[in-house]
Amino acid sequence: MDLGRVTFLSPSALERYRLCPRLYRFLYVDGLWRLSRSTAQQAFGTSVHAALREFYRLPVGRRSLRMLLELFRRGWVRDGYRGKEEQQRERERGAEALRAWYARTDTTVVAHATELGLQAAWGDIVLKGRLDADPGSDRGLVVVDYKTGRRPVTQEAADADEALTIYAALVERRLGRPVTSMVLDYVVAGAQVVTERPPEVLRRRLDEVLATGATLRADQEFRPRTGPWCAGCDLLKRCPEGQREVAGATARLD
């Protein structure tokens, strides 16, 4: 990142900045990723995403439930779990979710792109993202974002989803194709939430993203935003304000 010229922002970077500007600074400015541990939730999500990515890269004739489960087994991420029992339990949960997903999904779709990395500049803000896109129709593409949460978000939350706004803007800018719809596919929960970004809505949402980017770019202090999340922060030892937040929460419980 070269903050003197342009600022590169991904959906996850913006999400971290909104949660806590100091956490953003630790990770994206100071580069303290080595101190950030992988959680069981992250490892589970990575494993499921990897299986779906490799599955859709196969020719349609080779796609089967057996192959999907084999890809899940090969790509299983072991980091982040508290022990073998938790890891085995989560592996079984993932396999069960993929079986159900396979039964309800049209697996013959030939994806336009799987985890395609795109980036584009809007002034001194460069947005980037990695996305999946299906052919959709002659009018445009369908962006699919696979989720491994246990519960789907509301329609209102999907309509306001910042990552989907960035993906739609990147597709239109870099691929020259409109996005007709966007799908949050909850693999574990067994549900889909579909949303759209008509041109006027996309412009408004993108302006909001860029405004946050401008605020981030101008931030010189990266003050911490404390709250319950501080207790689980891997970088808590470097943040006195977060330590006071956790100590105060513990004292209130006592």
Protein backbone atom coordinates (compact mmCIF):
# COMPACT_ATOMS: atom_id res chain seq x y z
CA MET A 1 0.00 0.00 0.00
CA ASP A 2 1.27 3.47 -0.89
CA LEU A 3 -0.84 5.93 1.06
CA GLY A 4 1.02 8.81 -0.56
CA ARG A 5 -0.41 8.07 -3.99
CA VAL A 6 -3.40 5.71 -3.94
CA THR A 7 -5.19 3.64 -1.35
CA PHE A 8 -6.13 0.06 -2.14
CA LEU A 9 -9.32 -1.15 -0.49
CA SER A 10 -11.06 -4.51 -0.45
CA PRO A 11 -14.44 -5.31 1.13
CA SER A 12 -12.70 -6.95 4.09
CA ALA A 13 -10.41 -3.94 4.60
CA LEU A 14 -13.38 -1.57 4.66
CA GLU A 15 -15.21 -3.86 7.05
CA ARG A 16 -12.26 -3.85 9.45
CA TYR A 17 -11.95 -0.08 9.26
CA ARG A 18 -15.62 0.34 10.12
CA LEU A 19 -15.22 -2.06 13.04
CA CYS A 20 -12.05 -0.45 14.40
CA PRO A 21 -9.74 2.01 12.61
CA ARG A 22 -6.82 0.94 14.78
CA LEU A 23 -7.26 -2.70 13.78
CA TYR A 24 -7.18 -1.55 10.16
CA ARG A 25 -3.94 0.31 10.80
CA PHE A 26 -2.36 -2.66 12.54
CA LEU A 27 -3.13 -4.97 9.62
CA TYR A 28 -3.00 -2.83 6.48
CA VAL A 29 -0.56 -0.07 7.40
CA ASP A 30 1.73 -1.71 9.96
CA GLY A 31 1.48 -5.13 8.27
CA LEU A 32 0.98 -7.13 11.47
CA TRP A 33 -0.80 -10.03 9.76
CA ARG A 34 1.64 -12.52 11.28
CA LEU A 35 0.13 -11.76 14.70
CA SER A 36 -3.42 -12.43 13.52
CA ARG A 37 -4.45 -16.03 14.13
CA SER A 38 -6.77 -18.05 11.94
CA THR A 39 -10.04 -18.90 13.68
CA ALA A 40 -12.08 -22.07 13.30
CA GLN A 41 -14.78 -20.05 11.55
CA GLN A 42 -12.29 -18.69 9.02
CA ALA A 43 -10.76 -22.12 8.42
CA PHE A 44 -14.20 -23.66 7.88
CA GLY A 45 -15.20 -20.93 5.43
CA THR A 46 -11.94 -21.21 3.50
CA SER A 47 -12.38 -24.98 3.19
CA VAL A 48 -15.93 -24.72 1.83
CA HIS A 49 -15.02 -21.92 -0.59
CA ALA A 50 -12.04 -23.87 -1.92
CA ALA A 51 -14.19 -26.93 -2.59
CA LEU A 52 -16.81 -24.90 -4.48
CA ARG A 53 -14.15 -23.04 -6.47
CA GLU A 54 -12.45 -26.21 -7.66
CA PHE A 55 -15.80 -27.91 -8.28
CA TYR A 56 -16.98 -25.20 -10.68
CA ARG A 57 -13.64 -25.24 -12.49
CA LEU A 58 -14.26 -28.86 -13.49
CA PRO A 59 -15.94 -29.81 -16.77
CA VAL A 60 -19.66 -30.40 -16.19
CA GLY A 61 -19.27 -34.11 -16.91
CA ARG A 62 -16.87 -34.54 -13.99
CA ARG A 63 -19.01 -32.75 -11.43
CA SER A 64 -20.53 -35.16 -8.96
CA LEU A 65 -21.31 -35.25 -5.25
CA ARG A 66 -18.45 -37.65 -4.73
CA MET A 67 -16.03 -35.27 -6.44
CA LEU A 68 -17.33 -32.29 -4.44
CA LEU A 69 -16.75 -34.11 -1.15
CA GLU A 70 -13.31 -35.24 -2.31
CA LEU A 71 -12.37 -31.65 -3.12
CA PHE A 72 -13.58 -30.62 0.33
CA ARG A 73 -11.41 -33.32 1.89
CA ARG A 74 -8.34 -32.27 -0.11
CA GLY A 75 -8.72 -28.58 0.66
CA TRP A 76 -9.55 -28.91 4.34
CA VAL A 77 -7.81 -26.24 6.45
CA ARG A 78 -6.73 -27.62 9.83
CA ASP A 79 -5.66 -24.36 11.47
CA GLY A 80 -7.74 -22.57 14.07
CA TYR A 81 -9.48 -25.48 15.77
CA ARG A 82 -9.19 -26.16 19.48
CA GLY A 83 -8.63 -29.86 19.05
CA LYS A 84 -9.23 -32.94 16.95
CA GLU A 85 -12.79 -33.38 18.18
CA GLU A 86 -13.85 -29.88 17.13
CA GLN A 87 -12.08 -30.26 13.80
CA GLN A 88 -13.79 -33.59 13.07
CA ARG A 89 -17.18 -32.20 14.08
CA GLU A 90 -16.77 -29.20 11.78
CA ARG A 91 -15.52 -31.36 8.93
CA GLU A 92 -18.65 -33.50 9.18
CA ARG A 93 -20.83 -30.39 9.35
CA GLY A 94 -19.20 -29.06 6.20
CA ALA A 95 -19.66 -32.32 4.31
CA GLU A 96 -23.33 -32.47 5.34
CA ALA A 97 -23.87 -28.88 4.18
CA LEU A 98 -22.25 -29.58 0.81
CA ARG A 99 -24.42 -32.67 0.29
CA ALA A 100 -27.53 -30.56 0.84
CA TRP A 101 -26.17 -27.77 -1.36
CA TYR A 102 -25.45 -30.24 -4.19
CA ALA A 103 -29.00 -31.62 -3.99
CA ARG A 104 -30.64 -28.20 -4.40
CA THR A 105 -28.23 -26.55 -6.89
CA ASP A 106 -27.98 -26.61 -10.66
CA THR A 107 -24.41 -27.88 -10.91
CA THR A 108 -24.38 -27.77 -14.72
CA VAL A 109 -23.91 -23.99 -14.78
CA VAL A 110 -20.68 -23.01 -16.50
CA ALA A 111 -19.39 -20.11 -14.44
CA HIS A 112 -18.24 -16.98 -16.23
CA ALA A 113 -15.52 -16.67 -13.56
CA THR A 114 -14.54 -18.29 -10.28
CA GLU A 115 -12.76 -16.14 -7.69
CA LEU A 116 -11.79 -13.64 -10.36
CA GLY A 117 -9.55 -10.89 -8.96
CA LEU A 118 -10.46 -7.42 -10.19
CA GLN A 119 -9.41 -3.91 -9.28
CA ALA A 120 -10.20 -0.46 -10.60
CA ALA A 121 -9.43 3.13 -9.62
CA TRP A 122 -11.87 5.87 -8.71
CA GLY A 123 -9.58 8.84 -8.30
CA ASP A 124 -7.03 8.03 -5.60
CA ILE A 125 -9.09 5.10 -4.27
CA VAL A 126 -8.49 1.68 -5.82
CA LEU A 127 -11.18 -0.89 -5.05
CA LYS A 128 -10.37 -4.55 -5.41
CA GLY A 129 -12.22 -7.80 -4.90
CA ARG A 130 -12.36 -11.48 -5.72
CA LEU A 131 -15.68 -12.75 -6.99
CA ASP A 132 -17.65 -15.51 -8.71
CA ALA A 133 -19.90 -14.69 -11.66
CA ASP A 134 -22.43 -16.77 -13.60
CA PRO A 135 -23.52 -16.05 -17.19
CA GLY A 136 -26.98 -14.91 -16.11
CA SER A 137 -28.53 -13.75 -19.38
CA ASP A 138 -27.67 -11.86 -22.53
CA ARG A 139 -28.19 -8.65 -20.57
CA GLY A 140 -25.45 -9.25 -18.00
CA LEU A 141 -23.87 -11.33 -15.27
CA VAL A 142 -24.96 -12.68 -11.92
CA VAL A 143 -22.51 -12.25 -9.04
CA VAL A 144 -22.58 -15.07 -6.48
CA ASP A 145 -21.10 -14.67 -3.01
CA TYR A 146 -20.93 -17.96 -1.08
CA LYS A 147 -21.45 -17.67 2.67
CA THR A 148 -20.92 -20.21 5.43
CA GLY A 149 -22.80 -18.47 8.21
CA ARG A 150 -25.49 -20.41 10.02
CA ARG A 151 -28.19 -17.80 9.31
CA PRO A 152 -28.87 -15.77 6.17
CA VAL A 153 -29.02 -11.99 6.41
CA THR A 154 -32.25 -10.08 5.91
CA GLN A 155 -33.27 -8.71 2.54
CA GLU A 156 -32.57 -5.22 3.84
CA ALA A 157 -29.02 -6.19 4.82
CA ALA A 158 -28.43 -7.80 1.42
CA ASP A 159 -29.66 -4.69 -0.37
CA ALA A 160 -27.11 -2.64 1.62
CA ASP A 161 -24.24 -5.15 1.41
CA GLU A 162 -21.06 -3.16 0.77
CA ALA A 163 -19.08 -6.04 -0.72
CA LEU A 164 -21.76 -6.69 -3.35
CA THR A 165 -21.72 -3.03 -4.30
CA ILE A 166 -17.95 -3.20 -4.83
CA TYR A 167 -18.24 -6.42 -6.85
CA ALA A 168 -20.94 -4.94 -9.10
CA ALA A 169 -18.92 -1.79 -9.70
CA LEU A 170 -15.78 -3.79 -10.52
CA VAL A 171 -17.61 -6.07 -12.95
CA GLU A 172 -19.12 -3.14 -14.80
CA ARG A 173 -15.84 -1.20 -14.87
CA ARG A 174 -13.41 -4.03 -15.70
CA LEU A 175 -15.55 -6.51 -17.64
CA GLY A 176 -17.85 -4.01 -19.31
CA ARG A 177 -20.91 -6.06 -18.38
CA PRO A 178 -23.88 -5.00 -16.25
CA VAL A 179 -24.73 -7.05 -13.17
CA THR A 180 -28.36 -8.12 -13.41
CA SER A 181 -28.51 -9.58 -9.91
CA MET A 182 -26.40 -10.67 -6.98
CA VAL A 183 -26.87 -13.78 -4.88
CA LEU A 184 -25.79 -14.46 -1.32
CA ASP A 185 -25.73 -18.26 -1.31
CA TYR A 186 -25.73 -19.55 2.27
CA VAL A 187 -24.26 -23.00 1.82
CA VAL A 188 -24.73 -24.13 5.42
CA ALA A 189 -28.07 -22.42 6.10
CA GLY A 190 -29.52 -23.73 2.84
CA ALA A 191 -30.91 -20.40 1.66
CA GLN A 192 -30.26 -17.73 -0.93
CA VAL A 193 -30.85 -14.00 -0.68
CA VAL A 194 -31.06 -12.21 -4.02
CA THR A 195 -30.51 -8.49 -4.45
CA GLU A 196 -30.01 -5.99 -7.26
CA ARG A 197 -28.19 -2.72 -7.84
CA PRO A 198 -30.01 -0.69 -10.50
CA PRO A 199 -27.73 1.98 -12.00
CA GLU A 200 -28.96 4.81 -9.79
CA VAL A 201 -28.73 2.64 -6.66
CA LEU A 202 -25.26 1.40 -7.58
CA ARG A 203 -24.04 4.97 -8.05
CA ARG A 204 -25.39 6.01 -4.67
CA ARG A 205 -23.98 2.97 -2.86
CA LEU A 206 -20.63 3.34 -4.59
CA ASP A 207 -20.46 6.99 -3.55
CA GLU A 208 -20.93 5.86 0.06
CA VAL A 209 -18.09 3.34 -0.29
CA LEU A 210 -15.79 5.95 -1.81
CA ALA A 211 -16.68 8.41 0.94
CA THR A 212 -15.57 5.88 3.54
CA GLY A 213 -12.42 5.34 1.50
CA ALA A 214 -11.72 9.07 1.49
CA THR A 215 -12.20 9.21 5.27
CA LEU A 216 -9.83 6.29 5.70
CA ARG A 217 -7.27 7.82 3.37
CA ALA A 218 -7.29 11.10 5.33
CA ASP A 219 -7.14 9.38 8.72
CA GLN A 220 -3.86 10.10 10.48
CA GLU A 221 -4.75 8.81 13.95
CA PHE A 222 -6.70 5.55 13.42
CA ARG A 223 -8.33 5.84 16.82
CA PRO A 224 -9.62 2.57 18.26
CA ARG A 225 -13.32 1.82 18.40
CA THR A 226 -13.72 -0.32 21.48
CA GLY A 227 -16.46 -2.80 22.26
CA PRO A 228 -17.14 -6.48 23.00
CA TRP A 229 -15.05 -7.46 19.95
CA CYS A 230 -11.88 -6.29 21.73
CA ALA A 231 -11.83 -9.46 23.85
CA GLY A 232 -11.22 -11.60 20.78
CA CYS A 233 -8.71 -9.31 19.07
CA ASP A 234 -5.34 -10.93 18.39
CA LEU A 235 -3.67 -7.52 18.61
CA LEU A 236 -5.14 -6.55 21.98
CA LYS A 237 -1.69 -6.43 23.61
CA ARG A 238 -0.79 -3.51 21.34
CA CYS A 239 -3.90 -1.48 22.17
CA PRO A 240 -4.17 0.10 25.67
CA GLU A 241 -7.70 1.33 25.00
CA GLY A 242 -8.82 -2.17 24.07
CA GLN A 243 -7.20 -3.59 27.19
CA ARG A 244 -9.12 -1.09 29.34
CA GLU A 245 -12.34 -2.03 27.55
CA VAL A 246 -11.81 -5.73 28.28
CA ALA A 247 -10.79 -5.06 31.91
CA GLY A 248 -13.88 -2.91 32.43
CA ALA A 249 -16.17 -5.55 30.94
CA THR A 250 -14.62 -8.19 33.21
CA ALA A 251 -15.06 -5.96 36.26
CA ARG A 252 -18.72 -5.38 35.43
CA LEU A 253 -19.30 -9.12 35.24
CA ASP A 254 -17.65 -9.59 38.65
